[in-house]
Structures are given as C-alpha cells and as structure tokens.
Amino acid sequence: MNIKRLIIFMLLFAFAGYFRERFFEHMNIILASVYRGTDEYANLHITIPLIMKPFRYWSYPALYYSKYVFTFLWTVLFFLLSYYTINYTSSNKIINKYLVGVYLSLIIIAGLSMGIGYIINSTLKNDEYTLSRWLLGIAQSPIICLILLAAENLYTKSFYSHHKNKSL
C-alpha cells in the first residue's frame, strides 16, 4: 500500500467533506430564507459565498428538490474519490468491485427506503427518510474506502489460503 498516496487521498476526502458540509449548510440557510421570506444570512451574521448567490433566486420547491440532485452528485464524487484511492494505493484491484457493489447497494436501499416511505406516508419526512440520509451519509464519507483498504490483507490471505488448500 502506498502510504504517501493514501495521505494525499485522505486530504482530498477531508477537503471534499468540508466543502460538502459547507455547501449544504448554506443551501439550508437559503432554503429557510426563501421559505420564510427573510434574509437568514443577515440574521445569522454570515456572508453568503459568491458561488451560492444564484440559489437565492430559486423557488422553494426548486431548492428543496435540488438538494436530492446535489446529494446524488456528492455521493458520486465520494465514490470516485474512493475508487481512485483504492486504485492508486492498493495492489489488489478486486477491491474496487466490492466498492461498486457497496455503493450500488447503499443507493438502492436508500432509494427504496425513500420510495416506500413516500408511498406509505405521502411524505419524505419520516424514519424512512432518516434511514436514507444515514445511508447516503456513509456513502458521502471515506468510511467504505477505509474499511475496504483495511480488509485488503484479509482478502488476500483468504484468497491465497483458499487456492492453496484446493491444490492440496
């Protein structure tokens, strides 16, 4: 495992996590401002980042539903970071197949949870929504990547011992 590359990728994860958090923090403030018809930034003594200013002119439904799109985009970003981290730091490339499977599973389960919650409750604000957010929170972090990298030696040992026993 290439430790220098791993450190660089962990810094990229840290920056991505920070900017993701700040983005949604500001998006929620803008959402509240539009909903209440007030200037929440002035009330909170916060300066709106230049990149977020166009969102102030969006309608409340556009802002609300765009958060789902942005959540998906951030999930894709964290998947790509994980994929390249494993690709450039690990000698065992099969781990990326597990990464794809885990991400697909998280997205599918989160989507099913949201869909079932909406069908049953006609809203996206109950426990199903909380589960979905929690699952996508995992997908928008380095947790999966780190677990797979830590498990690399287990997979390698298991693979070689399995094939060694077959040849006996």
C-alpha atoms as a PDB file:
ATOM      1  CA  MET A   1       0.000   0.000   0.000  1.00  0.00           C
ATOM      2  CA  ASN A   2       1.316   3.393  -0.966  1.00  0.00           C
ATOM      3  CA  ILE A   3       1.125   5.493   2.228  1.00  0.00           C
ATOM      4  CA  LYS A   4       2.041   8.833   0.595  1.00  0.00           C
ATOM      5  CA  ARG A   5      -0.758   8.478  -1.937  1.00  0.00           C
ATOM      6  CA  LEU A   6      -3.155   7.401   0.807  1.00  0.00           C
ATOM      7  CA  ILE A   7      -2.364  10.559   2.790  1.00  0.00           C
ATOM      8  CA  ILE A   8      -2.973  12.701  -0.312  1.00  0.00           C
ATOM      9  CA  PHE A   9      -6.320  10.994  -0.916  1.00  0.00           C
ATOM     10  CA  MET A  10      -7.306  11.377   2.747  1.00  0.00           C
ATOM     11  CA  LEU A  11      -6.627  15.104   2.416  1.00  0.00           C
ATOM     12  CA  LEU A  12      -8.841  15.140  -0.686  1.00  0.00           C
ATOM     13  CA  PHE A  13     -11.553  13.385   1.323  1.00  0.00           C
ATOM     14  CA  ALA A  14     -11.168  15.977   4.087  1.00  0.00           C
ATOM     15  CA  PHE A  15     -11.494  18.874   1.637  1.00  0.00           C
ATOM     16  CA  ALA A  16     -14.465  17.257  -0.119  1.00  0.00           C
ATOM     17  CA  GLY A  17     -16.165  16.591   3.228  1.00  0.00           C
ATOM     18  CA  TYR A  18     -15.603  20.152   4.370  1.00  0.00           C
ATOM     19  CA  PHE A  19     -16.951  21.677   1.153  1.00  0.00           C
ATOM     20  CA  ARG A  20     -19.899  19.277   1.106  1.00  0.00           C
ATOM     21  CA  GLU A  21     -20.818  20.277   4.657  1.00  0.00           C
ATOM     22  CA  ARG A  22     -20.472  23.985   3.926  1.00  0.00           C
ATOM     23  CA  PHE A  23     -22.472  23.658   0.694  1.00  0.00           C
ATOM     24  CA  PHE A  24     -25.443  22.022   2.405  1.00  0.00           C
ATOM     25  CA  GLU A  25     -25.202  24.357   5.384  1.00  0.00           C
ATOM     26  CA  HIS A  26     -25.546  27.359   3.076  1.00  0.00           C
ATOM     27  CA  MET A  27     -28.184  25.603   0.970  1.00  0.00           C
ATOM     28  CA  ASN A  28     -30.275  25.050   4.119  1.00  0.00           C
ATOM     29  CA  ILE A  29     -29.911  28.705   5.133  1.00  0.00           C
ATOM     30  CA  ILE A  30     -31.022  29.808   1.657  1.00  0.00           C
ATOM     31  CA  LEU A  31     -33.896  27.325   1.786  1.00  0.00           C
ATOM     32  CA  ALA A  32     -35.036  28.766   5.123  1.00  0.00           C
ATOM     33  CA  SER A  33     -34.684  32.319   3.786  1.00  0.00           C
ATOM     34  CA  VAL A  34     -36.838  31.598   0.754  1.00  0.00           C
ATOM     35  CA  TYR A  35     -39.395  29.697   2.830  1.00  0.00           C
ATOM     36  CA  ARG A  36     -39.739  32.458   5.460  1.00  0.00           C
ATOM     37  CA  GLY A  37     -39.249  35.362   3.076  1.00  0.00           C
ATOM     38  CA  THR A  38     -36.467  36.736   5.283  1.00  0.00           C
ATOM     39  CA  ASP A  39     -32.737  37.200   4.983  1.00  0.00           C
ATOM     40  CA  GLU A  40     -31.399  34.421   7.226  1.00  0.00           C
ATOM     41  CA  TYR A  41     -27.807  35.337   6.367  1.00  0.00           C
ATOM     42  CA  ALA A  42     -28.262  38.793   7.869  1.00  0.00           C
ATOM     43  CA  ASN A  43     -29.965  37.292  10.943  1.00  0.00           C
ATOM     44  CA  LEU A  44     -27.075  34.850  11.418  1.00  0.00           C
ATOM     45  CA  HIS A  45     -24.372  37.424  10.591  1.00  0.00           C
ATOM     46  CA  ILE A  46     -22.995  35.173   7.848  1.00  0.00           C
ATOM     47  CA  THR A  47     -21.762  36.269   4.435  1.00  0.00           C
ATOM     48  CA  ILE A  48     -23.185  34.242   1.584  1.00  0.00           C
ATOM     49  CA  PRO A  49     -20.448  32.689  -0.558  1.00  0.00           C
ATOM     50  CA  LEU A  50     -20.373  34.034  -4.094  1.00  0.00           C
ATOM     51  CA  ILE A  51     -20.913  30.593  -5.587  1.00  0.00           C
ATOM     52  CA  MET A  52     -24.159  30.199  -3.592  1.00  0.00           C
ATOM     53  CA  LYS A  53     -25.720  33.568  -4.510  1.00  0.00           C
ATOM     54  CA  PRO A  54     -27.620  32.313  -7.600  1.00  0.00           C
ATOM     55  CA  PHE A  55     -29.550  29.899  -5.379  1.00  0.00           C
ATOM     56  CA  ARG A  56     -31.167  32.836  -3.549  1.00  0.00           C
ATOM     57  CA  TYR A  57     -33.313  33.450  -6.634  1.00  0.00           C
ATOM     58  CA  TRP A  58     -34.617  29.914  -6.957  1.00  0.00           C
ATOM     59  CA  SER A  59     -38.099  28.977  -5.815  1.00  0.00           C
ATOM     60  CA  TYR A  60     -38.555  26.965  -2.647  1.00  0.00           C
ATOM     61  CA  PRO A  61     -39.572  23.748  -4.495  1.00  0.00           C
ATOM     62  CA  ALA A  62     -36.605  24.087  -6.864  1.00  0.00           C
ATOM     63  CA  LEU A  63     -34.229  24.490  -3.926  1.00  0.00           C
ATOM     64  CA  TYR A  64     -35.817  21.659  -1.969  1.00  0.00           C
ATOM     65  CA  TYR A  65     -35.718  19.120  -4.790  1.00  0.00           C
ATOM     66  CA  SER A  66     -32.299  20.232  -6.000  1.00  0.00           C
ATOM     67  CA  LYS A  67     -30.920  19.003  -2.678  1.00  0.00           C
ATOM     68  CA  TYR A  68     -31.681  15.445  -3.837  1.00  0.00           C
ATOM     69  CA  VAL A  69     -29.726  16.039  -7.039  1.00  0.00           C
ATOM     70  CA  PHE A  70     -26.822  17.575  -5.135  1.00  0.00           C
ATOM     71  CA  THR A  71     -26.864  14.698  -2.652  1.00  0.00           C
ATOM     72  CA  PHE A  72     -26.546  12.272  -5.543  1.00  0.00           C
ATOM     73  CA  LEU A  73     -23.732  14.331  -7.097  1.00  0.00           C
ATOM     74  CA  TRP A  74     -21.807  14.441  -3.810  1.00  0.00           C
ATOM     75  CA  THR A  75     -22.286  10.678  -3.490  1.00  0.00           C
ATOM     76  CA  VAL A  76     -20.805  10.228  -6.967  1.00  0.00           C
ATOM     77  CA  LEU A  77     -17.868  12.468  -6.025  1.00  0.00           C
ATOM     78  CA  PHE A  78     -17.136  10.417  -2.900  1.00  0.00           C
ATOM     79  CA  PHE A  79     -17.478   7.197  -4.886  1.00  0.00           C
ATOM     80  CA  LEU A  80     -14.933   8.461  -7.415  1.00  0.00           C
ATOM     81  CA  LEU A  81     -12.566   9.536  -4.650  1.00  0.00           C
ATOM     82  CA  SER A  82     -12.894   6.090  -3.068  1.00  0.00           C
ATOM     83  CA  TYR A  83     -12.422   4.352  -6.401  1.00  0.00           C
ATOM     84  CA  TYR A  84      -9.257   6.257  -7.246  1.00  0.00           C
ATOM     85  CA  THR A  85      -7.929   5.967  -3.705  1.00  0.00           C
ATOM     86  CA  ILE A  86      -8.203   2.186  -3.894  1.00  0.00           C
ATOM     87  CA  ASN A  87      -6.926   2.137  -7.463  1.00  0.00           C
ATOM     88  CA  TYR A  88      -3.792   4.167  -6.681  1.00  0.00           C
ATOM     89  CA  THR A  89      -2.976   2.899  -3.171  1.00  0.00           C
ATOM     90  CA  SER A  90      -3.866  -0.787  -3.250  1.00  0.00           C
ATOM     91  CA  SER A  91      -2.220  -3.612  -5.103  1.00  0.00           C
ATOM     92  CA  ASN A  92      -5.449  -5.632  -5.004  1.00  0.00           C
ATOM     93  CA  LYS A  93      -7.721  -4.180  -7.718  1.00  0.00           C
ATOM     94  CA  ILE A  94     -10.606  -6.575  -6.978  1.00  0.00           C
ATOM     95  CA  ILE A  95     -11.477  -4.329  -4.035  1.00  0.00           C
ATOM     96  CA  ASN A  96     -12.931  -1.770  -6.467  1.00  0.00           C
ATOM     97  CA  LYS A  97     -15.536  -4.368  -7.467  1.00  0.00           C
ATOM     98  CA  TYR A  98     -16.606  -4.550  -3.833  1.00  0.00           C
ATOM     99  CA  LEU A  99     -16.669  -0.757  -3.694  1.00  0.00           C
ATOM    100  CA  VAL A 100     -19.042  -0.591  -6.680  1.00  0.00           C
ATOM    101  CA  GLY A 101     -21.273  -3.227  -5.068  1.00  0.00           C
ATOM    102  CA  VAL A 102     -21.401  -1.411  -1.739  1.00  0.00           C
ATOM    103  CA  TYR A 103     -22.209   1.944  -3.343  1.00  0.00           C
ATOM    104  CA  LEU A 104     -24.907   0.455  -5.558  1.00  0.00           C
ATOM    105  CA  SER A 105     -26.394  -1.296  -2.525  1.00  0.00           C
ATOM    106  CA  LEU A 106     -26.423   1.905  -0.470  1.00  0.00           C
ATOM    107  CA  ILE A 107     -28.043   3.924  -3.255  1.00  0.00           C
ATOM    108  CA  ILE A 108     -30.642   1.247  -4.000  1.00  0.00           C
ATOM    109  CA  ILE A 109     -31.559   0.715  -0.334  1.00  0.00           C
ATOM    110  CA  ALA A 110     -31.719   4.481   0.271  1.00  0.00           C
ATOM    111  CA  GLY A 111     -33.914   4.919  -2.819  1.00  0.00           C
ATOM    112  CA  LEU A 112     -36.205   2.060  -1.813  1.00  0.00           C
ATOM    113  CA  SER A 113     -36.474   3.472   1.689  1.00  0.00           C
ATOM    114  CA  MET A 114     -37.448   6.892   0.352  1.00  0.00           C
ATOM    115  CA  GLY A 115     -39.879   5.390  -2.171  1.00  0.00           C
ATOM    116  CA  ILE A 116     -41.585   3.133   0.359  1.00  0.00           C
ATOM    117  CA  GLY A 117     -41.796   5.988   2.845  1.00  0.00           C
ATOM    118  CA  TYR A 118     -43.383   8.219   0.261  1.00  0.00           C
ATOM    119  CA  ILE A 119     -45.865   5.556  -0.884  1.00  0.00           C
ATOM    120  CA  ILE A 120     -46.918   4.702   2.676  1.00  0.00           C
ATOM    121  CA  ASN A 121     -46.842   8.171   4.249  1.00  0.00           C
ATOM    122  CA  SER A 122     -47.124  10.509   1.232  1.00  0.00           C
ATOM    123  CA  THR A 123     -44.201  12.445   2.676  1.00  0.00           C
ATOM    124  CA  LEU A 124     -40.425  12.297   2.806  1.00  0.00           C
ATOM    125  CA  LYS A 125     -40.036  13.233   6.469  1.00  0.00           C
ATOM    126  CA  ASN A 126     -40.346  10.005   8.496  1.00  0.00           C
ATOM    127  CA  ASP A 127     -37.991   7.237   9.591  1.00  0.00           C
ATOM    128  CA  GLU A 128     -37.502   6.078   6.008  1.00  0.00           C
ATOM    129  CA  TYR A 129     -36.076   9.494   5.172  1.00  0.00           C
ATOM    130  CA  THR A 130     -33.773   9.308   8.201  1.00  0.00           C
ATOM    131  CA  LEU A 131     -32.534   5.868   7.131  1.00  0.00           C
ATOM    132  CA  SER A 132     -31.944   7.108   3.600  1.00  0.00           C
ATOM    133  CA  ARG A 133     -29.985  10.133   4.817  1.00  0.00           C
ATOM    134  CA  TRP A 134     -27.916   7.950   7.125  1.00  0.00           C
ATOM    135  CA  LEU A 135     -27.056   5.515   4.306  1.00  0.00           C
ATOM    136  CA  LEU A 136     -26.106   8.310   1.946  1.00  0.00           C
ATOM    137  CA  GLY A 137     -24.102   9.932   4.745  1.00  0.00           C
ATOM    138  CA  ILE A 138     -21.989   6.785   4.794  1.00  0.00           C
ATOM    139  CA  ALA A 139     -21.660   6.965   1.007  1.00  0.00           C
ATOM    140  CA  GLN A 140     -20.508  10.590   1.302  1.00  0.00           C
ATOM    141  CA  SER A 141     -17.555   9.747   3.514  1.00  0.00           C
ATOM    142  CA  PRO A 142     -14.284   7.801   3.312  1.00  0.00           C
ATOM    143  CA  ILE A 143     -15.624   5.064   5.627  1.00  0.00           C
ATOM    144  CA  ILE A 144     -16.279   2.466   2.918  1.00  0.00           C
ATOM    145  CA  CYS A 145     -12.923   3.103   1.265  1.00  0.00           C
ATOM    146  CA  LEU A 146     -11.039   2.805   4.556  1.00  0.00           C
ATOM    147  CA  ILE A 147     -12.808  -0.406   5.532  1.00  0.00           C
ATOM    148  CA  LEU A 148     -12.061  -1.969   2.148  1.00  0.00           C
ATOM    149  CA  LEU A 149      -8.417  -0.905   2.308  1.00  0.00           C
ATOM    150  CA  ALA A 150      -8.127  -2.290   5.834  1.00  0.00           C
ATOM    151  CA  ALA A 151      -9.714  -5.541   4.666  1.00  0.00           C
ATOM    152  CA  GLU A 152      -7.297  -5.844   1.738  1.00  0.00           C
ATOM    153  CA  ASN A 153      -4.923  -8.081   3.688  1.00  0.00           C
ATOM    154  CA  LEU A 154      -7.800 -10.269   4.856  1.00  0.00           C
ATOM    155  CA  TYR A 155      -8.989 -10.753   1.300  1.00  0.00           C
ATOM    156  CA  THR A 156      -5.501 -11.530   0.057  1.00  0.00           C
ATOM    157  CA  LYS A 157      -4.871 -14.070   2.846  1.00  0.00           C
ATOM    158  CA  SER A 158      -8.281 -15.677   2.332  1.00  0.00           C
ATOM    159  CA  PHE A 159      -7.811 -15.852  -1.433  1.00  0.00           C
ATOM    160  CA  TYR A 160      -4.367 -17.430  -1.248  1.00  0.00           C
ATOM    161  CA  SER A 161      -5.240 -19.878   1.520  1.00  0.00           C
ATOM    162  CA  HIS A 162      -8.340 -20.974  -0.407  1.00  0.00           C
ATOM    163  CA  HIS A 163      -6.357 -21.652  -3.584  1.00  0.00           C
ATOM    164  CA  LYS A 164      -3.530 -23.277  -1.623  1.00  0.00           C
ATOM    165  CA  ASN A 165      -5.991 -25.714   0.001  1.00  0.00           C
ATOM    166  CA  LYS A 166      -7.531 -26.542  -3.399  1.00  0.00           C
ATOM    167  CA  SER A 167      -4.150 -27.556  -4.784  1.00  0.00           C
ATOM    168  CA  LEU A 168      -3.563 -29.994  -1.910  1.00  0.00           C
END
